[in-house]
Amino acid sequence: AGYSGDGVTFPTYDAKLVIFNPLGTLVINRTYDHSDYDRAYALTLAPAGGFAFTGPSAYGMTLWRTDENGVLQWMQRFNTVTNDVGLSVLAASDGSFLAAGYTYNYDYTARQYVTGIPILPSLGLRGEF
């Protein structure tokens, strides 16, 4: 999981899932565009098959869940302050997911990060809290 896009003039990114088989042949190459700033930083295998990945978006930390072919099953966003970043995701044996990251406020006057708190949402099999 990762991201692709144009960060030159106005940064626009799409989360990306790329999977290769053991021989190095490309199996899945999909992008997920739900805002102008979707990025995937962490990936896990889902117990029932497929994948879950997390990262930041323009609207907060995002958790995506796909099937084994990379087709999006659901997506959840978490926005606590202004900038939430997902850095890690784990799948539990019951099919739920635990995503962790941080949130921060950016002081544009001082040009520094002024606050940060951890976030730890837990989602059920279908993306519910």
Protein backbone atom coordinates (compact mmCIF):
# COMPACT_ATOMS: atom_id res chain seq x y z
CA ALA A 1 0.00 0.00 0.00
CA GLY A 2 1.13 3.53 -0.68
CA TYR A 3 0.03 6.46 -2.78
CA SER A 4 0.50 8.14 -6.13
CA GLY A 5 -0.25 11.59 -7.43
CA ASP A 6 0.93 15.05 -8.29
CA GLY A 7 2.55 16.89 -5.42
CA VAL A 8 4.01 19.68 -7.54
CA THR A 9 1.55 22.57 -7.59
CA PHE A 10 -1.40 21.46 -5.46
CA PRO A 11 -0.76 18.16 -3.71
CA THR A 12 -3.32 15.61 -4.83
CA TYR A 13 -2.79 11.97 -3.93
CA ASP A 14 -4.67 8.70 -4.26
CA ALA A 15 -4.17 5.70 -1.97
CA LYS A 16 -2.73 2.77 -3.91
CA LEU A 17 -2.75 -1.02 -3.46
CA VAL A 18 -0.25 -3.00 -5.53
CA ILE A 19 0.08 -6.78 -5.07
CA PHE A 20 2.55 -9.13 -6.78
CA ASN A 21 2.50 -12.93 -6.77
CA PRO A 22 5.59 -14.93 -5.62
CA LEU A 23 6.97 -14.86 -9.19
CA GLY A 24 6.84 -11.06 -9.30
CA THR A 25 3.86 -10.82 -11.63
CA LEU A 26 1.53 -7.89 -10.96
CA VAL A 27 -1.80 -9.18 -9.63
CA ILE A 28 -3.54 -6.07 -8.25
CA ASN A 29 -2.92 -2.43 -9.14
CA ARG A 30 -5.74 -0.22 -7.81
CA THR A 31 -6.09 3.37 -6.67
CA TYR A 32 -8.63 4.71 -4.17
CA ASP A 33 -9.65 8.37 -4.53
CA HIS A 34 -12.03 9.74 -1.89
CA SER A 35 -10.40 13.13 -1.31
CA ASP A 36 -7.52 15.11 -2.75
CA TYR A 37 -5.07 13.79 -0.20
CA ASP A 38 -5.55 10.01 0.23
CA ARG A 39 -2.43 8.09 1.22
CA ALA A 40 -1.89 4.57 2.54
CA TYR A 41 0.88 4.05 5.10
CA ALA A 42 0.09 0.61 6.56
CA LEU A 43 -1.45 -2.62 5.27
CA THR A 44 -2.69 -5.86 6.85
CA LEU A 45 -4.29 -9.04 5.57
CA ALA A 46 -7.95 -9.43 6.55
CA PRO A 47 -8.84 -12.71 8.30
CA ALA A 48 -11.71 -13.40 5.86
CA GLY A 49 -9.54 -12.55 2.84
CA GLY A 50 -8.64 -9.24 1.31
CA PHE A 51 -6.80 -6.31 2.80
CA ALA A 52 -7.17 -3.35 5.13
CA PHE A 53 -4.97 -0.27 4.98
CA THR A 54 -4.82 3.11 6.66
CA GLY A 55 -3.32 6.55 6.18
CA PRO A 56 -4.23 10.23 6.07
CA SER A 57 -6.73 11.93 3.77
CA ALA A 58 -8.00 15.48 3.41
CA TYR A 59 -10.74 14.64 5.91
CA GLY A 60 -8.74 12.79 8.57
CA MET A 61 -7.38 9.32 9.15
CA THR A 62 -8.94 6.80 6.76
CA LEU A 63 -9.27 3.02 6.96
CA TRP A 64 -10.05 1.12 3.75
CA ARG A 65 -11.19 -2.53 3.53
CA THR A 66 -11.01 -4.45 0.24
CA ASP A 67 -11.77 -7.97 -0.90
CA GLU A 68 -9.06 -10.34 -2.18
CA ASN A 69 -9.18 -8.63 -5.61
CA GLY A 70 -8.67 -5.16 -4.18
CA VAL A 71 -12.30 -4.13 -4.71
CA LEU A 72 -13.32 -1.63 -2.03
CA GLN A 73 -15.76 -3.12 0.53
CA TRP A 74 -15.96 -0.11 2.86
CA MET A 75 -14.08 2.94 4.03
CA GLN A 76 -14.19 4.86 7.32
CA ARG A 77 -12.77 8.29 8.15
CA PHE A 78 -11.83 9.56 11.61
CA ASN A 79 -11.36 13.27 12.16
CA THR A 80 -10.68 14.48 15.69
CA VAL A 81 -8.96 17.83 15.16
CA THR A 82 -7.66 18.98 11.79
CA ASN A 83 -4.99 16.52 10.70
CA ASP A 84 -5.29 12.83 11.56
CA VAL A 85 -2.74 10.34 10.27
CA GLY A 86 -3.13 6.55 10.33
CA LEU A 87 0.21 4.77 10.74
CA SER A 88 -0.65 1.19 11.65
CA VAL A 89 -3.49 -1.31 11.22
CA LEU A 90 -4.01 -4.78 12.70
CA ALA A 91 -6.67 -7.39 11.96
CA ALA A 92 -8.19 -9.33 14.86
CA SER A 93 -9.27 -12.97 14.56
CA ASP A 94 -12.95 -11.92 14.85
CA GLY A 95 -12.67 -9.83 11.66
CA SER A 96 -12.45 -6.42 13.33
CA PHE A 97 -9.60 -3.97 12.74
CA LEU A 98 -7.55 -1.76 15.03
CA ALA A 99 -5.96 1.30 13.46
CA ALA A 100 -3.52 3.60 15.24
CA GLY A 101 -2.03 6.95 14.39
CA TYR A 102 -1.83 10.51 15.61
CA THR A 103 -3.51 13.85 15.17
CA TYR A 104 -1.96 17.29 15.13
CA ASN A 105 -2.81 20.94 14.76
CA TYR A 106 -0.67 23.04 12.46
CA ASP A 107 -0.09 26.64 13.47
CA TYR A 108 0.31 28.38 10.11
CA THR A 109 1.53 31.58 11.77
CA ALA A 110 4.36 29.92 13.68
CA ARG A 111 4.77 27.19 11.04
CA GLN A 112 5.10 24.43 13.57
CA TYR A 113 3.11 21.53 14.90
CA VAL A 114 1.55 22.66 18.16
CA THR A 115 -0.42 19.67 19.48
CA GLY A 116 -0.52 15.93 19.03
CA ILE A 117 -2.63 13.18 20.54
CA PRO A 118 -2.82 9.46 19.75
CA ILE A 119 -5.93 8.04 18.13
CA LEU A 120 -6.96 4.39 18.27
CA PRO A 121 -10.30 3.54 16.64
CA SER A 122 -11.52 -0.06 16.51
CA LEU A 123 -13.87 -1.22 13.74
CA GLY A 124 -16.03 -4.27 13.32
CA LEU A 125 -16.21 -6.60 10.35
CA ARG A 126 -18.37 -4.23 8.26
CA GLY A 127 -16.65 -1.01 9.33
CA GLU A 128 -18.94 -0.14 12.26
CA PHE A 129 -17.70 1.11 15.63
